[in-house]
């Protein structure tokens, strides 16, 4: 297993600049997710690492080795594509064995390695089954097995679960994470689905529409402490409010102005800032409670049942500002009935108010 480093990668297609001086270091032996909207250059980065696409400028390092000019077939990097790219005329065994046969590995070694790899992906009972008789999830496992059998330093995964239904996708995510831990191989996973990245990644990078990294870090860090409006809104759902910092408060300057307490004590009095407040960090009730840093009165204007949770939209006082609130539906506890038109109290702690450091209005 080796790290991957991209230095100042620039790439254009038909005169359109896709990546400009893009740089990132992916540590060895981790599950790394590259997350961003469609068209931001995620797949292009994967193809450049694999050697399937040639960058206009910049360098690529696998460990300490510069592989910028190394042909794709000589890089110890394998790719699992979105459409799996399996050979339809071959059965499961022959598909998985193909990379070893190309390298002229002896027959006995191939048979043993195919069996061992099939056990890893739980397909040993389908060893000679034709590819067209497999389900989507089984085909995805065959593609994984073929990619890992030659023991690459890096495994690239280009939205490999996009074609699967939700239930199977969730199951395969767990299997992918377990497989990476078992192999210790560096996984680079490209997706535009933030829930997938949060589920599997040890570390993740958020790319914006301009092909630049907005933030990189552990999933919990990025979710809990987004640095910009883009990250806060792309990774999960959030409330964005803007106002002027006065001491340890943010003054929201709109009709019916109000202030909210924050925990940061940076010397930025008078500066206009934006804050992020996650909907699940807000407690909603008709009751009066003590012990919260922020208390606001509002009117419920929307209630949407979402199975695991209920989403409320609440208008704060006379300000015209609305906030989203998510409340978990706990079946073991009686749930307070809150309906459209109800007057409610919203509570949250100042520690849950995150100043967006890269966002000055």
Protein backbone atom coordinates (compact mmCIF):
# COMPACT_ATOMS: atom_id res chain seq x y z
CA UNK A 1 0.00 0.00 0.00
CA UNK A 2 1.26 3.45 -0.89
CA UNK A 3 0.16 7.04 -0.69
CA UNK A 4 -0.95 9.01 -3.74
CA UNK A 5 0.07 12.62 -4.30
CA UNK A 6 -1.14 14.88 -7.09
CA UNK A 7 0.81 18.11 -7.58
CA UNK A 8 -0.52 21.07 -9.57
CA UNK A 9 -2.64 18.99 -11.94
CA UNK A 10 -4.23 20.96 -14.79
CA UNK A 11 -6.59 19.41 -17.33
CA UNK A 12 -8.78 20.82 -20.11
CA UNK A 13 -11.28 19.20 -22.48
CA UNK A 14 -12.07 20.99 -25.74
CA UNK A 15 -10.72 24.24 -24.40
CA UNK A 16 -12.76 24.02 -21.18
CA UNK A 17 -10.65 24.05 -18.01
CA UNK A 18 -11.71 21.18 -15.72
CA UNK A 19 -8.84 21.14 -13.21
CA UNK A 20 -6.44 23.99 -12.46
CA UNK A 21 -3.36 23.45 -10.28
CA UNK A 22 -5.19 20.72 -8.39
CA UNK A 23 -3.17 19.20 -5.55
CA UNK A 24 -4.01 16.57 -2.97
CA UNK A 25 -2.17 14.01 -0.84
CA UNK A 26 -3.95 10.74 -0.04
CA UNK A 27 -2.28 8.83 2.84
CA UNK A 28 -1.50 5.15 2.39
CA UNK A 29 -3.79 2.44 3.72
CA UNK A 30 -6.92 4.55 4.23
CA UNK A 31 -10.39 4.74 2.69
CA UNK A 32 -10.38 8.17 1.02
CA UNK A 33 -13.54 9.69 -0.47
CA UNK A 34 -13.56 12.41 -3.11
CA UNK A 35 -16.94 14.10 -2.86
CA UNK A 36 -18.42 16.79 -5.05
CA UNK A 37 -21.19 17.73 -7.48
CA UNK A 38 -21.45 16.20 -10.94
CA UNK A 39 -19.02 17.77 -13.38
CA UNK A 40 -16.51 19.02 -10.80
CA UNK A 41 -13.69 16.78 -12.09
CA UNK A 42 -13.80 13.85 -9.66
CA UNK A 43 -13.75 11.11 -12.30
CA UNK A 44 -11.10 12.98 -14.29
CA UNK A 45 -8.84 12.87 -11.22
CA UNK A 46 -9.38 9.12 -10.89
CA UNK A 47 -8.60 8.55 -14.57
CA UNK A 48 -5.44 10.65 -14.30
CA UNK A 49 -4.26 8.59 -11.30
CA UNK A 50 -4.98 5.39 -13.23
CA UNK A 51 -3.15 6.67 -16.31
CA UNK A 52 -6.30 6.45 -18.43
CA UNK A 53 -6.25 10.22 -18.95
CA UNK A 54 -3.23 12.43 -19.54
CA UNK A 55 -3.05 15.69 -17.60
CA UNK A 56 -1.95 18.88 -19.38
CA UNK A 57 0.56 19.62 -16.61
CA UNK A 58 1.44 18.51 -13.09
CA UNK A 59 2.92 15.44 -11.43
CA UNK A 60 1.63 12.20 -9.86
CA UNK A 61 3.48 10.28 -7.16
CA UNK A 62 2.78 6.76 -5.94
CA UNK A 63 4.64 6.67 -2.64
CA UNK A 64 7.98 8.31 -3.47
CA UNK A 65 7.91 7.19 -7.10
CA UNK A 66 7.00 9.71 -9.79
CA UNK A 67 4.56 7.85 -12.09
CA UNK A 68 3.59 10.84 -14.24
CA UNK A 69 5.02 9.23 -17.38
CA UNK A 70 4.39 5.60 -16.41
CA UNK A 71 1.86 3.84 -18.72
CA UNK A 72 -1.43 2.76 -17.13
CA UNK A 73 -0.64 -0.96 -17.45
CA UNK A 74 2.56 -0.50 -15.48
CA UNK A 75 1.00 1.37 -12.57
CA UNK A 76 0.13 -0.72 -9.51
CA UNK A 77 -3.32 0.89 -9.55
CA UNK A 78 -6.64 -0.79 -10.42
CA UNK A 79 -10.06 0.73 -11.07
CA UNK A 80 -13.64 -0.38 -10.43
CA UNK A 81 -15.88 1.47 -12.87
CA UNK A 82 -19.48 2.56 -12.46
CA UNK A 83 -20.64 0.08 -15.12
CA UNK A 84 -18.30 -2.68 -13.76
CA UNK A 85 -16.77 -3.27 -17.28
CA UNK A 86 -16.97 -7.06 -16.93
CA UNK A 87 -16.43 -9.41 -19.88
CA UNK A 88 -19.93 -10.74 -20.78
CA UNK A 89 -18.56 -13.79 -22.63
CA UNK A 90 -16.61 -14.97 -19.56
CA UNK A 91 -17.90 -16.61 -16.39
CA UNK A 92 -17.09 -15.41 -12.87
CA UNK A 93 -13.84 -17.40 -12.61
CA UNK A 94 -12.47 -16.21 -15.95
CA UNK A 95 -13.35 -12.56 -15.29
CA UNK A 96 -11.49 -12.57 -11.99
CA UNK A 97 -8.56 -14.60 -13.32
CA UNK A 98 -8.05 -12.33 -16.34
CA UNK A 99 -5.49 -9.90 -14.80
CA UNK A 100 -3.30 -12.81 -13.62
CA UNK A 101 -3.47 -14.55 -16.99
CA UNK A 102 -2.30 -11.34 -18.67
CA UNK A 103 0.72 -11.43 -16.34
CA UNK A 104 1.25 -15.12 -17.27
CA UNK A 105 0.87 -16.38 -13.68
CA UNK A 106 0.87 -20.19 -13.49
CA UNK A 107 -2.47 -22.03 -13.53
CA UNK A 108 -2.31 -23.46 -9.98
CA UNK A 109 -1.54 -20.06 -8.47
CA UNK A 110 -4.39 -18.48 -10.44
CA UNK A 111 -6.91 -21.07 -9.23
CA UNK A 112 -5.92 -20.63 -5.59
CA UNK A 113 -5.93 -16.81 -5.75
CA UNK A 114 -9.33 -16.75 -7.48
CA UNK A 115 -10.79 -19.00 -4.77
CA UNK A 116 -9.28 -16.89 -2.00
CA UNK A 117 -10.54 -13.67 -3.58
CA UNK A 118 -14.03 -15.08 -4.13
CA UNK A 119 -14.24 -15.90 -0.43
CA UNK A 120 -13.39 -12.28 0.41
CA UNK A 121 -16.34 -11.04 -1.63
CA UNK A 122 -18.67 -13.93 -0.65
CA UNK A 123 -19.08 -15.36 -4.16
CA UNK A 124 -17.39 -18.76 -3.88
CA UNK A 125 -20.69 -20.53 -4.68
CA UNK A 126 -20.93 -18.71 -8.04
CA UNK A 127 -17.45 -19.47 -9.32
CA UNK A 128 -18.46 -20.77 -12.77
CA UNK A 129 -21.72 -18.90 -13.23
CA UNK A 130 -22.11 -16.79 -16.43
CA UNK A 131 -21.92 -13.04 -15.75
CA UNK A 132 -25.36 -12.34 -17.24
CA UNK A 133 -26.97 -14.60 -14.62
CA UNK A 134 -25.68 -12.50 -11.71
CA UNK A 135 -27.56 -9.73 -9.90
CA UNK A 136 -26.25 -6.16 -9.87
CA UNK A 137 -24.73 -6.63 -6.43
CA UNK A 138 -23.03 -9.87 -7.44
CA UNK A 139 -21.60 -8.27 -10.58
CA UNK A 140 -20.24 -5.45 -8.46
CA UNK A 141 -18.47 -8.01 -6.25
CA UNK A 142 -16.95 -9.70 -9.31
CA UNK A 143 -15.62 -6.32 -10.47
CA UNK A 144 -14.13 -5.77 -7.01
CA UNK A 145 -12.58 -9.24 -6.97
CA UNK A 146 -10.99 -8.73 -10.39
CA UNK A 147 -9.57 -5.38 -9.23
CA UNK A 148 -8.00 -6.67 -5.99
CA UNK A 149 -6.69 -10.07 -7.12
CA UNK A 150 -3.44 -8.58 -8.43
CA UNK A 151 -2.91 -6.81 -5.06
CA UNK A 152 -2.68 -3.21 -6.27
CA UNK A 153 -1.17 -0.46 -4.12
CA UNK A 154 -4.23 1.69 -4.80
CA UNK A 155 -7.81 0.77 -5.69
CA UNK A 156 -9.85 3.46 -7.44
CA UNK A 157 -13.66 3.26 -7.25
CA UNK A 158 -15.68 5.46 -9.58
CA UNK A 159 -19.22 5.61 -8.13
CA UNK A 160 -19.37 1.79 -8.16
CA UNK A 161 -22.73 1.60 -6.36
CA UNK A 162 -24.68 4.07 -8.50
CA UNK A 163 -26.64 1.35 -10.33
CA UNK A 164 -27.78 -0.44 -7.16
CA UNK A 165 -31.01 0.13 -5.24
CA UNK A 166 -30.86 1.82 -1.82
CA UNK A 167 -30.97 -1.32 0.35
CA UNK A 168 -28.26 -3.11 -1.61
CA UNK A 169 -26.17 0.05 -1.80
CA UNK A 170 -26.17 0.39 1.99
CA UNK A 171 -25.16 -3.27 2.38
CA UNK A 172 -22.36 -2.97 -0.19
CA UNK A 173 -20.99 0.15 1.51
CA UNK A 174 -20.43 -1.83 4.70
CA UNK A 175 -18.83 -4.67 2.75
CA UNK A 176 -16.52 -2.22 0.96
CA UNK A 177 -15.38 -0.73 4.25
CA UNK A 178 -14.75 -4.19 5.75
CA UNK A 179 -12.83 -5.24 2.62
CA UNK A 180 -10.59 -2.18 2.79
CA UNK A 181 -9.80 -2.82 6.45
CA UNK A 182 -8.99 -6.47 5.68
CA UNK A 183 -6.73 -5.66 2.72
CA UNK A 184 -5.12 -2.49 4.04
CA UNK A 185 -5.07 -1.19 0.46
CA UNK A 186 -5.46 2.52 -0.22
CA UNK A 187 -9.02 3.02 -1.52
CA UNK A 188 -9.94 6.20 -3.41
CA UNK A 189 -13.72 6.42 -3.72
CA UNK A 190 -15.42 8.98 -5.96
CA UNK A 191 -19.05 9.91 -5.30
CA UNK A 192 -21.50 12.81 -5.33
CA UNK A 193 -23.54 11.12 -2.56
CA UNK A 194 -22.55 12.62 0.80
CA UNK A 195 -24.16 9.79 2.81
CA UNK A 196 -21.93 7.24 1.04
CA UNK A 197 -18.79 9.25 1.80
CA UNK A 198 -19.76 9.75 5.45
CA UNK A 199 -20.38 6.01 5.82
CA UNK A 200 -17.12 4.62 4.45
CA UNK A 201 -14.39 7.27 4.53
CA UNK A 202 -11.55 7.63 7.01
CA UNK A 203 -10.82 10.93 5.31
CA UNK A 204 -12.69 12.90 2.67
CA UNK A 205 -12.16 15.88 0.40
CA UNK A 206 -15.01 18.15 -0.71
CA UNK A 207 -14.66 19.58 -4.22
CA UNK A 208 -16.59 22.62 -5.43
CA UNK A 209 -17.99 23.34 -8.89
CA UNK A 210 -14.69 24.91 -9.94
CA UNK A 211 -12.74 21.69 -9.39
CA UNK A 212 -11.02 22.94 -6.23
CA UNK A 213 -10.94 21.34 -2.78
CA UNK A 214 -13.03 23.33 -0.31
CA UNK A 215 -12.17 21.22 2.73
CA UNK A 216 -10.37 18.01 3.58
CA UNK A 217 -10.52 16.02 6.82
CA UNK A 218 -12.32 13.28 8.72
CA UNK A 219 -16.06 12.94 7.99
CA UNK A 220 -17.15 14.00 11.48
CA UNK A 221 -14.90 17.06 11.38
CA UNK A 222 -16.24 18.16 7.99
CA UNK A 223 -19.87 17.60 9.00
CA UNK A 224 -19.61 19.22 12.43
CA UNK A 225 -17.25 22.06 11.48
CA UNK A 226 -17.72 23.06 7.82
CA UNK A 227 -15.48 25.93 6.74
CA UNK A 228 -17.68 27.35 4.00
CA UNK A 229 -21.28 27.75 2.95
CA UNK A 230 -20.66 25.28 0.09
CA UNK A 231 -19.41 22.52 2.42
CA UNK A 232 -22.13 23.12 5.01
CA UNK A 233 -24.89 22.82 2.41
CA UNK A 234 -23.33 20.03 0.32
CA UNK A 235 -22.59 17.69 3.23
CA UNK A 236 -25.96 17.24 4.85
CA UNK A 237 -28.67 19.86 5.42
CA UNK A 238 -28.09 23.05 7.35
CA UNK A 239 -29.48 26.46 8.23
CA UNK A 240 -27.34 29.37 7.02
CA UNK A 241 -27.83 32.70 8.80
CA UNK A 242 -25.85 35.90 8.23
CA UNK A 243 -25.27 38.87 10.49
CA UNK A 244 -22.82 41.11 12.31
CA UNK A 245 -20.58 39.79 15.09
CA UNK A 246 -20.91 41.75 18.32
CA UNK A 247 -18.89 40.20 21.18
CA UNK A 248 -20.13 36.67 21.69
CA UNK A 249 -23.29 37.13 19.60
CA UNK A 250 -24.30 37.40 15.96
CA UNK A 251 -26.80 40.19 15.30
CA UNK A 252 -29.16 39.10 12.53
CA UNK A 253 -30.04 42.33 10.77
CA UNK A 254 -33.47 41.88 9.30
CA UNK A 255 -36.97 43.02 10.13
CA UNK A 256 -37.58 42.03 13.72
CA UNK A 257 -33.81 41.70 14.24
CA UNK A 258 -32.54 39.26 16.85
CA UNK A 259 -29.20 37.95 18.10
CA UNK A 260 -27.89 34.48 18.81
CA UNK A 261 -25.09 33.36 21.12
CA UNK A 262 -21.91 31.78 19.74
CA UNK A 263 -18.98 30.07 21.44
CA UNK A 264 -16.15 31.60 19.38
CA UNK A 265 -14.49 34.69 20.82
CA UNK A 266 -12.50 35.85 17.80
CA UNK A 267 -11.82 39.59 17.58
CA UNK A 268 -14.04 40.36 14.64
CA UNK A 269 -16.55 42.78 16.12
CA UNK A 270 -18.54 44.58 13.48
CA UNK A 271 -17.68 42.08 10.73
CA UNK A 272 -20.46 40.44 8.80
CA UNK A 273 -20.30 36.67 9.03
CA UNK A 274 -22.31 33.61 8.12
CA UNK A 275 -23.08 30.75 10.49
CA UNK A 276 -24.21 27.15 10.01
CA UNK A 277 -26.69 25.45 12.32
CA UNK A 278 -27.60 21.81 11.65
CA UNK A 279 -31.37 21.08 11.86
CA UNK A 280 -30.86 18.07 14.17
CA UNK A 281 -29.06 20.30 16.71
CA UNK A 282 -32.27 22.26 17.34
CA UNK A 283 -34.76 21.07 19.93
CA UNK A 284 -38.40 21.90 19.18
CA UNK A 285 -41.19 21.89 21.76
CA UNK A 286 -44.20 23.85 22.97
CA UNK A 287 -42.80 23.73 26.49
CA UNK A 288 -40.58 26.22 28.32
CA UNK A 289 -37.14 24.77 29.08
CA UNK A 290 -34.05 25.93 30.92
CA UNK A 291 -30.33 25.46 30.28
CA UNK A 292 -30.04 26.41 26.61
CA UNK A 293 -27.85 29.22 25.21
CA UNK A 294 -30.34 30.17 22.52
CA UNK A 295 -34.13 30.26 22.78
CA UNK A 296 -36.37 31.46 19.96
CA UNK A 297 -40.12 31.54 19.48
CA UNK A 298 -41.54 30.70 16.08
CA UNK A 299 -44.56 29.49 14.14
CA UNK A 300 -44.59 26.12 12.38
CA UNK A 301 -45.30 26.59 8.68
CA UNK A 302 -44.52 23.05 7.43
CA UNK A 303 -44.41 19.50 8.82
CA UNK A 304 -43.04 16.63 6.72
CA UNK A 305 -42.90 13.05 8.01
CA UNK A 306 -39.74 11.31 6.68
CA UNK A 307 -39.86 7.92 8.39
CA UNK A 308 -36.87 8.05 10.71
CA UNK A 309 -37.40 11.73 11.37
CA UNK A 310 -39.88 14.58 11.01
CA UNK A 311 -38.86 17.83 9.35
CA UNK A 312 -40.32 21.12 10.54
CA UNK A 313 -39.99 24.54 8.94
CA UNK A 314 -40.38 27.28 11.53
CA UNK A 315 -40.70 31.03 10.98
CA UNK A 316 -38.84 32.93 13.68
CA UNK A 317 -40.99 35.63 15.28
CA UNK A 318 -41.64 38.59 12.97
CA UNK A 319 -38.26 38.36 11.24
CA UNK A 320 -39.40 36.48 8.15
CA UNK A 321 -36.48 34.11 8.67
CA UNK A 322 -37.25 30.39 8.51
CA UNK A 323 -35.21 27.50 9.89
CA UNK A 324 -35.35 23.75 9.30
CA UNK A 325 -35.61 21.44 12.31
CA UNK A 326 -35.15 17.64 12.22
CA UNK A 327 -36.57 15.56 15.06
CA UNK A 328 -35.91 11.81 15.34
CA UNK A 329 -39.03 9.65 15.54
CA UNK A 330 -38.38 7.51 18.63
CA UNK A 331 -41.07 4.84 18.79
CA UNK A 332 -40.26 3.98 22.42
CA UNK A 333 -41.16 7.46 23.66
CA UNK A 334 -44.43 9.39 23.32
CA UNK A 335 -43.96 12.11 20.68
CA UNK A 336 -45.25 15.62 21.21
CA UNK A 337 -47.80 16.48 18.56
CA UNK A 338 -46.68 19.59 16.68
CA UNK A 339 -48.75 20.83 13.75
CA UNK A 340 -48.72 23.63 11.19
CA UNK A 341 -49.72 26.90 12.85
CA UNK A 342 -48.49 25.90 16.33
CA UNK A 343 -46.40 28.39 18.32
CA UNK A 344 -43.21 26.60 19.37
CA UNK A 345 -39.94 27.22 21.17
CA UNK A 346 -36.64 26.36 19.48
CA UNK A 347 -33.60 25.64 21.65
CA UNK A 348 -29.96 25.12 20.73
CA UNK A 349 -26.60 25.46 22.41
CA UNK A 350 -24.05 28.06 21.32
CA UNK A 351 -21.53 25.25 20.71
CA UNK A 352 -23.71 24.11 17.78
CA UNK A 353 -23.41 27.46 16.00
CA UNK A 354 -20.49 27.18 13.55
CA UNK A 355 -18.97 30.32 12.02
CA UNK A 356 -18.16 29.70 8.37
CA UNK A 357 -14.56 30.86 8.32
CA UNK A 358 -14.30 31.08 4.55
CA UNK A 359 -17.52 33.03 4.23
CA UNK A 360 -17.50 36.77 4.78
CA UNK A 361 -20.58 38.50 3.42
